[in-house]
Amino acid sequence: MKWALVGDKDTEGNVIVEGSSNHIESGKPVARVGDKLSDGSVITTGHPFIKIDGRPVAITGSDVSNGNKLVEGSSITQL
């Protein structure tokens, strides 16, 4: 599994536009459950144990409220 970052996409190409200002990986904020994508949808699932700012970290395969899944993630931070 890989962490999702601002700029990563879902299966339709919508881009993550929100993330934690407190945790940066590869120069980008880490996305969490509740963060928004460019179409206004939000990430609805994340890692069951790892949290940032009290919210689960979004990972590749996380569900999005638009019915898609996150398909991109950091190549550096492995869970």
PDB file of N, CA and C in Angstrom:
ATOM      1  N   MET A   1       0.833  -1.182   0.000  1.00  0.00           N
ATOM      2  CA  MET A   1       0.000   0.000   0.000  1.00  0.00           C
ATOM      3  C   MET A   1       0.878   1.245   0.000  1.00  0.00           C
ATOM      4  N   LYS A   2       0.374   2.283  -0.647  1.00  0.00           N
ATOM      5  CA  LYS A   2       1.101   3.541  -0.713  1.00  0.00           C
ATOM      6  C   LYS A   2       0.212   4.670  -0.220  1.00  0.00           C
ATOM      7  N   TRP A   3       0.814   5.656   0.420  1.00  0.00           N
ATOM      8  CA  TRP A   3       0.070   6.817   0.876  1.00  0.00           C
ATOM      9  C   TRP A   3      -0.360   7.650  -0.318  1.00  0.00           C
ATOM     10  N   ALA A   4      -1.563   8.220  -0.258  1.00  0.00           N
ATOM     11  CA  ALA A   4      -2.048   9.139  -1.286  1.00  0.00           C
ATOM     12  C   ALA A   4      -1.645  10.562  -0.896  1.00  0.00           C
ATOM     13  N   LEU A   5      -1.243  11.328  -1.899  1.00  0.00           N
ATOM     14  CA  LEU A   5      -0.777  12.695  -1.684  1.00  0.00           C
ATOM     15  C   LEU A   5      -1.604  13.664  -2.509  1.00  0.00           C
ATOM     16  N   VAL A   6      -1.580  14.944  -2.125  1.00  0.00           N
ATOM     17  CA  VAL A   6      -2.207  15.972  -2.945  1.00  0.00           C
ATOM     18  C   VAL A   6      -1.606  15.881  -4.345  1.00  0.00           C
ATOM     19  N   GLY A   7      -2.469  15.888  -5.365  1.00  0.00           N
ATOM     20  CA  GLY A   7      -2.029  15.758  -6.752  1.00  0.00           C
ATOM     21  C   GLY A   7      -2.249  14.370  -7.312  1.00  0.00           C
ATOM     22  N   ASP A   8      -2.411  13.363  -6.437  1.00  0.00           N
ATOM     23  CA  ASP A   8      -2.712  12.006  -6.907  1.00  0.00           C
ATOM     24  C   ASP A   8      -4.158  11.958  -7.395  1.00  0.00           C
ATOM     25  N   LYS A   9      -4.503  10.904  -8.137  1.00  0.00           N
ATOM     26  CA  LYS A   9      -5.798  10.846  -8.828  1.00  0.00           C
ATOM     27  C   LYS A   9      -6.623   9.628  -8.436  1.00  0.00           C
ATOM     28  N   ASP A  10      -7.928   9.741  -8.763  1.00  0.00           N
ATOM     29  CA  ASP A  10      -8.811   8.585  -8.629  1.00  0.00           C
ATOM     30  C   ASP A  10      -8.982   7.936 -10.001  1.00  0.00           C
ATOM     31  N   THR A  11      -9.826   6.915 -10.086  1.00  0.00           N
ATOM     32  CA  THR A  11      -9.967   6.142 -11.323  1.00  0.00           C
ATOM     33  C   THR A  11     -10.502   6.956 -12.494  1.00  0.00           C
ATOM     34  N   GLU A  12     -11.155   8.098 -12.251  1.00  0.00           N
ATOM     35  CA  GLU A  12     -11.653   8.951 -13.337  1.00  0.00           C
ATOM     36  C   GLU A  12     -10.740  10.135 -13.615  1.00  0.00           C
ATOM     37  N   GLY A  13      -9.636  10.237 -12.891  1.00  0.00           N
ATOM     38  CA  GLY A  13      -8.694  11.325 -13.117  1.00  0.00           C
ATOM     39  C   GLY A  13      -8.926  12.551 -12.261  1.00  0.00           C
ATOM     40  N   ASN A  14      -9.885  12.493 -11.326  1.00  0.00           N
ATOM     41  CA  ASN A  14     -10.068  13.604 -10.390  1.00  0.00           C
ATOM     42  C   ASN A  14      -8.860  13.655  -9.459  1.00  0.00           C
ATOM     43  N   VAL A  15      -8.406  14.855  -9.157  1.00  0.00           N
ATOM     44  CA  VAL A  15      -7.159  15.067  -8.421  1.00  0.00           C
ATOM     45  C   VAL A  15      -7.440  15.401  -6.954  1.00  0.00           C
ATOM     46  N   ILE A  16      -6.651  14.826  -6.052  1.00  0.00           N
ATOM     47  CA  ILE A  16      -6.742  15.186  -4.637  1.00  0.00           C
ATOM     48  C   ILE A  16      -6.243  16.622  -4.487  1.00  0.00           C
ATOM     49  N   VAL A  17      -7.073  17.484  -3.864  1.00  0.00           N
ATOM     50  CA  VAL A  17      -6.715  18.897  -3.722  1.00  0.00           C
ATOM     51  C   VAL A  17      -6.519  19.327  -2.273  1.00  0.00           C
ATOM     52  N   GLU A  18      -6.804  18.438  -1.306  1.00  0.00           N
ATOM     53  CA  GLU A  18      -6.596  18.758   0.105  1.00  0.00           C
ATOM     54  C   GLU A  18      -5.732  17.696   0.760  1.00  0.00           C
ATOM     55  N   GLY A  19      -5.012  18.106   1.785  1.00  0.00           N
ATOM     56  CA  GLY A  19      -4.189  17.176   2.546  1.00  0.00           C
ATOM     57  C   GLY A  19      -3.697  17.834   3.818  1.00  0.00           C
ATOM     58  N   SER A  20      -2.936  17.109   4.602  1.00  0.00           N
ATOM     59  CA  SER A  20      -2.442  17.600   5.885  1.00  0.00           C
ATOM     60  C   SER A  20      -1.333  18.631   5.697  1.00  0.00           C
ATOM     61  N   SER A  21      -1.497  19.767   6.363  1.00  0.00           N
ATOM     62  CA  SER A  21      -0.420  20.761   6.336  1.00  0.00           C
ATOM     63  C   SER A  21       0.677  20.395   7.332  1.00  0.00           C
ATOM     64  N   ASN A  22       0.415  19.380   8.158  1.00  0.00           N
ATOM     65  CA  ASN A  22       1.373  18.959   9.183  1.00  0.00           C
ATOM     66  C   ASN A  22       2.245  17.781   8.777  1.00  0.00           C
ATOM     67  N   HIS A  23       1.921  17.126   7.667  1.00  0.00           N
ATOM     68  CA  HIS A  23       2.702  15.955   7.257  1.00  0.00           C
ATOM     69  C   HIS A  23       2.913  15.998   5.741  1.00  0.00           C
ATOM     70  N   ILE A  24       4.159  16.181   5.336  1.00  0.00           N
ATOM     71  CA  ILE A  24       4.534  16.324   3.930  1.00  0.00           C
ATOM     72  C   ILE A  24       5.421  15.153   3.533  1.00  0.00           C
ATOM     73  N   GLU A  25       5.133  14.545   2.395  1.00  0.00           N
ATOM     74  CA  GLU A  25       5.966  13.480   1.818  1.00  0.00           C
ATOM     75  C   GLU A  25       6.256  13.855   0.369  1.00  0.00           C
ATOM     76  N   SER A  26       7.484  13.735  -0.041  1.00  0.00           N
ATOM     77  CA  SER A  26       7.885  14.068  -1.414  1.00  0.00           C
ATOM     78  C   SER A  26       7.426  15.473  -1.799  1.00  0.00           C
ATOM     79  N   GLY A  27       7.414  16.385  -0.819  1.00  0.00           N
ATOM     80  CA  GLY A  27       7.045  17.768  -1.072  1.00  0.00           C
ATOM     81  C   GLY A  27       5.557  18.028  -1.189  1.00  0.00           C
ATOM     82  N   LYS A  28       4.722  17.030  -0.866  1.00  0.00           N
ATOM     83  CA  LYS A  28       3.271  17.180  -1.006  1.00  0.00           C
ATOM     84  C   LYS A  28       2.577  16.766   0.287  1.00  0.00           C
ATOM     85  N   PRO A  29       1.448  17.440   0.611  1.00  0.00           N
ATOM     86  CA  PRO A  29       0.682  17.039   1.790  1.00  0.00           C
ATOM     87  C   PRO A  29       0.098  15.632   1.633  1.00  0.00           C
ATOM     88  N   VAL A  30       0.063  14.888   2.730  1.00  0.00           N
ATOM     89  CA  VAL A  30      -0.531  13.550   2.742  1.00  0.00           C
ATOM     90  C   VAL A  30      -2.048  13.696   2.844  1.00  0.00           C
ATOM     91  N   ALA A  31      -2.781  12.943   2.019  1.00  0.00           N
ATOM     92  CA  ALA A  31      -4.246  12.971   2.029  1.00  0.00           C
ATOM     93  C   ALA A  31      -4.788  12.052   3.114  1.00  0.00           C
ATOM     94  N   ARG A  32      -5.956  12.434   3.647  1.00  0.00           N
ATOM     95  CA  ARG A  32      -6.604  11.669   4.708  1.00  0.00           C
ATOM     96  C   ARG A  32      -8.090  11.519   4.400  1.00  0.00           C
ATOM     97  N   VAL A  33      -8.759  10.649   5.134  1.00  0.00           N
ATOM     98  CA  VAL A  33     -10.207  10.520   4.996  1.00  0.00           C
ATOM     99  C   VAL A  33     -10.833  11.893   5.246  1.00  0.00           C
ATOM    100  N   GLY A  34     -11.747  12.299   4.371  1.00  0.00           N
ATOM    101  CA  GLY A  34     -12.410  13.592   4.475  1.00  0.00           C
ATOM    102  C   GLY A  34     -11.815  14.664   3.593  1.00  0.00           C
ATOM    103  N   ASP A  35     -10.601  14.443   3.067  1.00  0.00           N
ATOM    104  CA  ASP A  35      -9.996  15.427   2.171  1.00  0.00           C
ATOM    105  C   ASP A  35     -10.682  15.384   0.810  1.00  0.00           C
ATOM    106  N   LYS A  36     -10.703  16.555   0.128  1.00  0.00           N
ATOM    107  CA  LYS A  36     -11.453  16.717  -1.121  1.00  0.00           C
ATOM    108  C   LYS A  36     -10.626  16.433  -2.369  1.00  0.00           C
ATOM    109  N   LEU A  37     -11.375  16.051  -3.425  1.00  0.00           N
ATOM    110  CA  LEU A  37     -10.827  15.914  -4.768  1.00  0.00           C
ATOM    111  C   LEU A  37     -11.365  17.053  -5.623  1.00  0.00           C
ATOM    112  N   SER A  38     -10.818  17.211  -6.824  1.00  0.00           N
ATOM    113  CA  SER A  38     -11.153  18.333  -7.693  1.00  0.00           C
ATOM    114  C   SER A  38     -12.615  18.379  -8.117  1.00  0.00           C
ATOM    115  N   ASP A  39     -13.333  17.260  -8.064  1.00  0.00           N
ATOM    116  CA  ASP A  39     -14.756  17.259  -8.435  1.00  0.00           C
ATOM    117  C   ASP A  39     -15.667  17.511  -7.238  1.00  0.00           C
ATOM    118  N   GLY A  40     -15.100  17.804  -6.075  1.00  0.00           N
ATOM    119  CA  GLY A  40     -15.875  18.070  -4.872  1.00  0.00           C
ATOM    120  C   GLY A  40     -16.147  16.845  -4.018  1.00  0.00           C
ATOM    121  N   SER A  41     -15.790  15.670  -4.511  1.00  0.00           N
ATOM    122  CA  SER A  41     -15.971  14.445  -3.732  1.00  0.00           C
ATOM    123  C   SER A  41     -14.933  14.399  -2.615  1.00  0.00           C
ATOM    124  N   VAL A  42     -15.127  13.466  -1.666  1.00  0.00           N
ATOM    125  CA  VAL A  42     -14.196  13.327  -0.552  1.00  0.00           C
ATOM    126  C   VAL A  42     -13.736  11.880  -0.417  1.00  0.00           C
ATOM    127  N   ILE A  43     -12.576  11.710   0.162  1.00  0.00           N
ATOM    128  CA  ILE A  43     -12.041  10.374   0.441  1.00  0.00           C
ATOM    129  C   ILE A  43     -12.826   9.807   1.622  1.00  0.00           C
ATOM    130  N   THR A  44     -13.325   8.576   1.478  1.00  0.00           N
ATOM    131  CA  THR A  44     -14.196   8.005   2.511  1.00  0.00           C
ATOM    132  C   THR A  44     -13.575   6.857   3.293  1.00  0.00           C
ATOM    133  N   THR A  45     -12.507   6.248   2.795  1.00  0.00           N
ATOM    134  CA  THR A  45     -11.850   5.173   3.538  1.00  0.00           C
ATOM    135  C   THR A  45     -10.340   5.384   3.518  1.00  0.00           C
ATOM    136  N   GLY A  46      -9.670   4.799   4.507  1.00  0.00           N
ATOM    137  CA  GLY A  46      -8.220   4.925   4.591  1.00  0.00           C
ATOM    138  C   GLY A  46      -7.625   3.764   5.359  1.00  0.00           C
ATOM    139  N   HIS A  47      -6.371   3.920   5.742  1.00  0.00           N
ATOM    140  CA  HIS A  47      -5.673   2.872   6.482  1.00  0.00           C
ATOM    141  C   HIS A  47      -6.350   2.666   7.838  1.00  0.00           C
ATOM    142  N   PRO A  48      -6.563   1.411   8.248  1.00  0.00           N
ATOM    143  CA  PRO A  48      -7.289   1.157   9.495  1.00  0.00           C
ATOM    144  C   PRO A  48      -6.537   1.544  10.770  1.00  0.00           C
ATOM    145  N   PHE A  49      -5.228   1.718  10.702  1.00  0.00           N
ATOM    146  CA  PHE A  49      -4.457   1.988  11.916  1.00  0.00           C
ATOM    147  C   PHE A  49      -3.650   3.274  11.881  1.00  0.00           C
ATOM    148  N   ILE A  50      -3.164   3.671  10.719  1.00  0.00           N
ATOM    149  CA  ILE A  50      -2.281   4.835  10.626  1.00  0.00           C
ATOM    150  C   ILE A  50      -3.119   6.091  10.421  1.00  0.00           C
ATOM    151  N   LYS A  51      -2.920   7.065  11.320  1.00  0.00           N
ATOM    152  CA  LYS A  51      -3.680   8.309  11.258  1.00  0.00           C
ATOM    153  C   LYS A  51      -2.741   9.503  11.288  1.00  0.00           C
ATOM    154  N   ILE A  52      -3.169  10.564  10.629  1.00  0.00           N
ATOM    155  CA  ILE A  52      -2.481  11.850  10.662  1.00  0.00           C
ATOM    156  C   ILE A  52      -3.535  12.886  11.022  1.00  0.00           C
ATOM    157  N   ASP A  53      -3.244  13.726  11.999  1.00  0.00           N
ATOM    158  CA  ASP A  53      -4.201  14.726  12.481  1.00  0.00           C
ATOM    159  C   ASP A  53      -5.498  14.066  12.938  1.00  0.00           C
ATOM    160  N   GLY A  54      -5.401  12.837  13.460  1.00  0.00           N
ATOM    161  CA  GLY A  54      -6.565  12.129  13.964  1.00  0.00           C
ATOM    162  C   GLY A  54      -7.450  11.499  12.910  1.00  0.00           C
ATOM    163  N   ARG A  55      -7.016  11.529  11.649  1.00  0.00           N
ATOM    164  CA  ARG A  55      -7.807  10.971  10.548  1.00  0.00           C
ATOM    165  C   ARG A  55      -7.004   9.892   9.832  1.00  0.00           C
ATOM    166  N   PRO A  56      -7.674   8.819   9.374  1.00  0.00           N
ATOM    167  CA  PRO A  56      -6.951   7.758   8.663  1.00  0.00           C
ATOM    168  C   PRO A  56      -6.254   8.282   7.407  1.00  0.00           C
ATOM    169  N   VAL A  57      -5.042   7.800   7.166  1.00  0.00           N
ATOM    170  CA  VAL A  57      -4.283   8.155   5.966  1.00  0.00           C
ATOM    171  C   VAL A  57      -4.948   7.511   4.752  1.00  0.00           C
ATOM    172  N   ALA A  58      -5.114   8.284   3.689  1.00  0.00           N
ATOM    173  CA  ALA A  58      -5.633   7.741   2.431  1.00  0.00           C
ATOM    174  C   ALA A  58      -4.525   6.940   1.753  1.00  0.00           C
ATOM    175  N   ILE A  59      -4.901   5.823   1.173  1.00  0.00           N
ATOM    176  CA  ILE A  59      -3.941   4.938   0.510  1.00  0.00           C
ATOM    177  C   ILE A  59      -4.476   4.551  -0.861  1.00  0.00           C
ATOM    178  N   THR A  60      -3.606   4.001  -1.701  1.00  0.00           N
ATOM    179  CA  THR A  60      -4.092   3.499  -2.983  1.00  0.00           C
ATOM    180  C   THR A  60      -5.195   2.487  -2.705  1.00  0.00           C
ATOM    181  N   GLY A  61      -6.280   2.594  -3.451  1.00  0.00           N
ATOM    182  CA  GLY A  61      -7.436   1.727  -3.246  1.00  0.00           C
ATOM    183  C   GLY A  61      -8.482   2.307  -2.321  1.00  0.00           C
ATOM    184  N   SER A  62      -8.184   3.435  -1.657  1.00  0.00           N
ATOM    185  CA  SER A  62      -9.188   4.066  -0.794  1.00  0.00           C
ATOM    186  C   SER A  62     -10.405   4.458  -1.623  1.00  0.00           C
ATOM    187  N   ASP A  63     -11.589   4.349  -1.008  1.00  0.00           N
ATOM    188  CA  ASP A  63     -12.834   4.729  -1.672  1.00  0.00           C
ATOM    189  C   ASP A  63     -13.020   6.235  -1.633  1.00  0.00           C
ATOM    190  N   VAL A  64     -13.734   6.737  -2.668  1.00  0.00           N
ATOM    191  CA  VAL A  64     -14.063   8.150  -2.777  1.00  0.00           C
ATOM    192  C   VAL A  64     -15.586   8.253  -2.877  1.00  0.00           C
ATOM    193  N   SER A  65     -16.155   9.343  -2.384  1.00  0.00           N
ATOM    194  CA  SER A  65     -17.611   9.487  -2.345  1.00  0.00           C
ATOM    195  C   SER A  65     -18.267   9.512  -3.725  1.00  0.00           C
ATOM    196  N   ASN A  66     -17.488   9.711  -4.782  1.00  0.00           N
ATOM    197  CA  ASN A  66     -18.034   9.693  -6.142  1.00  0.00           C
ATOM    198  C   ASN A  66     -18.115   8.280  -6.715  1.00  0.00           C
ATOM    199  N   GLY A  67     -17.764   7.273  -5.933  1.00  0.00           N
ATOM    200  CA  GLY A  67     -17.810   5.879  -6.377  1.00  0.00           C
ATOM    201  C   GLY A  67     -16.501   5.363  -6.937  1.00  0.00           C
ATOM    202  N   ASN A  68     -15.502   6.220  -7.032  1.00  0.00           N
ATOM    203  CA  ASN A  68     -14.194   5.824  -7.556  1.00  0.00           C
ATOM    204  C   ASN A  68     -13.275   5.352  -6.436  1.00  0.00           C
ATOM    205  N   LYS A  69     -12.064   4.968  -6.827  1.00  0.00           N
ATOM    206  CA  LYS A  69     -11.006   4.590  -5.887  1.00  0.00           C
ATOM    207  C   LYS A  69      -9.755   5.387  -6.228  1.00  0.00           C
ATOM    208  N   LEU A  70      -8.922   5.623  -5.223  1.00  0.00           N
ATOM    209  CA  LEU A  70      -7.640   6.284  -5.468  1.00  0.00           C
ATOM    210  C   LEU A  70      -6.706   5.293  -6.135  1.00  0.00           C
ATOM    211  N   VAL A  71      -6.047   5.731  -7.209  1.00  0.00           N
ATOM    212  CA  VAL A  71      -5.195   4.815  -7.975  1.00  0.00           C
ATOM    213  C   VAL A  71      -3.735   5.230  -7.987  1.00  0.00           C
ATOM    214  N   GLU A  72      -3.420   6.387  -7.437  1.00  0.00           N
ATOM    215  CA  GLU A  72      -2.029   6.822  -7.381  1.00  0.00           C
ATOM    216  C   GLU A  72      -1.624   6.992  -5.930  1.00  0.00           C
ATOM    217  N   GLY A  73      -0.343   6.857  -5.669  1.00  0.00           N
ATOM    218  CA  GLY A  73       0.170   7.059  -4.318  1.00  0.00           C
ATOM    219  C   GLY A  73       1.662   7.294  -4.354  1.00  0.00           C
ATOM    220  N   SER A  74       2.206   7.741  -3.237  1.00  0.00           N
ATOM    221  CA  SER A  74       3.628   8.024  -3.125  1.00  0.00           C
ATOM    222  C   SER A  74       4.461   6.773  -3.367  1.00  0.00           C
ATOM    223  N   SER A  75       5.467   6.918  -4.189  1.00  0.00           N
ATOM    224  CA  SER A  75       6.363   5.787  -4.438  1.00  0.00           C
ATOM    225  C   SER A  75       7.419   5.668  -3.345  1.00  0.00           C
ATOM    226  N   ILE A  76       7.444   6.616  -2.427  1.00  0.00           N
ATOM    227  CA  ILE A  76       8.463   6.616  -1.382  1.00  0.00           C
ATOM    228  C   ILE A  76       7.938   6.030  -0.074  1.00  0.00           C
ATOM    229  N   THR A  77       6.758   6.429   0.368  1.00  0.00           N
ATOM    230  CA  THR A  77       6.250   6.016   1.673  1.00  0.00           C
ATOM    231  C   THR A  77       5.448   4.739   1.554  1.00  0.00           C
ATOM    232  N   GLN A  78       6.023   3.652   1.993  1.00  0.00           N
ATOM    233  CA  GLN A  78       5.340   2.357   1.982  1.00  0.00           C
ATOM    234  C   GLN A  78       4.774   2.086   3.361  1.00  0.00           C
ATOM    235  N   LEU A  79       3.595   1.509   3.419  1.00  0.00           N
ATOM    236  CA  LEU A  79       2.984   1.148   4.707  1.00  0.00           C
ATOM    237  C   LEU A  79       3.304  -0.275   5.035  1.00  0.00           C
TER     238      LEU A  79
END
